[in-house]
Protein backbone atom coordinates (compact mmCIF):
# COMPACT_ATOMS: atom_id res chain seq x y z
CA MET A 1 57.64 -5.14 -42.16
CA ALA A 2 54.67 -5.72 -43.98
CA ASP A 3 51.89 -8.35 -42.34
CA ARG A 4 52.29 -12.45 -43.39
CA THR A 5 49.27 -12.42 -45.06
CA LEU A 6 49.81 -10.16 -47.47
CA ARG A 7 53.82 -11.67 -48.34
CA PHE A 8 52.48 -15.09 -48.65
CA MET A 9 49.02 -13.62 -50.82
CA ILE A 10 51.59 -11.81 -53.26
CA ILE A 11 53.37 -15.10 -53.90
CA SER A 12 50.46 -16.50 -54.25
CA ARG A 13 48.53 -14.58 -56.41
CA PHE A 14 52.33 -14.86 -58.68
CA GLU A 15 51.57 -18.84 -59.07
CA LYS A 16 47.80 -18.26 -59.88
CA ALA A 17 48.45 -15.85 -62.21
CA CYS A 18 51.45 -18.00 -63.76
CA LYS A 19 48.83 -20.90 -63.87
CA ASP A 20 45.64 -18.71 -65.55
CA ALA A 21 48.40 -17.62 -68.40
CA GLY A 22 48.68 -20.88 -69.06
CA PHE A 23 52.56 -21.71 -67.68
CA PRO A 24 53.41 -24.26 -65.93
CA LYS A 25 53.13 -22.68 -61.64
CA PRO A 26 56.52 -21.95 -60.35
CA THR A 27 57.75 -23.99 -57.71
CA LEU A 28 58.79 -21.70 -55.10
CA ASN A 29 59.88 -21.73 -51.01
CA LYS A 30 57.02 -19.42 -49.69
CA THR A 31 58.94 -19.72 -46.63
CA ARG A 32 62.36 -18.21 -47.92
CA GLU A 33 60.37 -16.26 -50.54
CA GLN A 34 58.22 -14.32 -47.94
CA TRP A 35 61.53 -12.06 -47.49
CA ALA A 36 61.34 -10.68 -51.02
CA ALA A 37 57.93 -10.18 -50.71
CA ASP A 38 57.88 -8.10 -47.76
CA GLY A 39 60.66 -6.05 -50.04
CA LEU A 40 57.90 -5.27 -52.59
CA LEU A 41 54.96 -4.04 -50.24
CA GLU A 42 57.65 -1.98 -48.11
CA SER A 43 58.59 -0.13 -51.49
CA TYR A 44 55.40 -0.18 -53.72
CA ARG A 45 51.95 -0.08 -52.83
CA ILE A 46 49.88 -3.47 -53.38
CA ASP A 47 47.83 -2.34 -56.22
CA GLU A 48 50.94 -1.26 -58.08
CA ILE A 49 52.65 -4.58 -57.28
CA GLN A 50 49.48 -6.55 -58.83
CA SER A 51 49.29 -4.21 -61.61
CA ALA A 52 53.38 -5.00 -62.05
CA MET A 53 52.63 -8.74 -61.69
CA ASP A 54 49.93 -8.81 -64.56
CA TYR A 55 51.73 -6.42 -67.29
CA TYR A 56 54.68 -9.06 -66.50
CA ILE A 57 53.09 -11.83 -67.00
CA ARG A 58 51.06 -10.94 -70.04
CA ILE A 59 54.43 -9.78 -71.88
CA ASN A 60 56.60 -12.55 -70.82
CA SER A 61 57.30 -15.81 -72.39
CA ASN A 62 58.96 -17.48 -69.14
CA PRO A 63 58.02 -15.58 -66.16
CA ARG A 64 59.98 -16.19 -63.18
CA TRP A 65 59.88 -14.75 -59.48
CA GLY A 66 63.44 -13.27 -58.71
CA TRP A 67 63.28 -12.00 -61.89
CA PHE A 68 59.84 -10.04 -60.83
CA VAL A 69 61.12 -9.08 -57.15
CA ASN A 70 64.82 -7.84 -58.73
CA ASN A 71 63.46 -5.85 -61.74
CA ILE A 72 59.48 -4.52 -60.61
CA ASP A 73 60.99 -0.38 -61.07
CA ARG A 74 61.87 -1.42 -64.58
CA ILE A 75 58.48 -3.21 -65.19
CA ILE A 76 56.87 -0.01 -63.64
CA SER A 77 58.72 2.23 -66.05
CA ALA A 78 57.90 -0.44 -69.24
CA MET A 79 54.45 -0.07 -68.06
CA ASP A 80 54.02 3.90 -68.25
CA GLU A 81 55.99 3.75 -71.29
CA ALA A 82 53.47 1.98 -72.83
CA ARG A 83 50.37 3.99 -71.52
CA LYS A 84 52.22 7.08 -72.74
CA ASP A 85 52.90 5.56 -76.16
CA ALA A 86 49.21 4.14 -76.44
CA GLU A 87 48.20 8.26 -75.35
CA PHE A 88 50.32 9.33 -77.63
CA ARG A 89 49.60 7.41 -80.67
CA ALA A 90 45.40 7.58 -80.13
């Protein structure tokens, strides 16, 4: 189980990133969503989560926490494909 502060940090960072990108701040029940953040932290490194979050918020017109948590593997795959494509085209 990940540290409680890390779980809440991931959720707060998502809210702040959405707000900084010009989207309305999502309304999340942090006590409930900490378990989703715990699953992320058990499966991925913190830097992977943060870079996937930045990429997701940058490309999405309506970022949602639930979609991000459930599809982070797809986001990371898309990031890798975009990086490979950029290297190929350079």
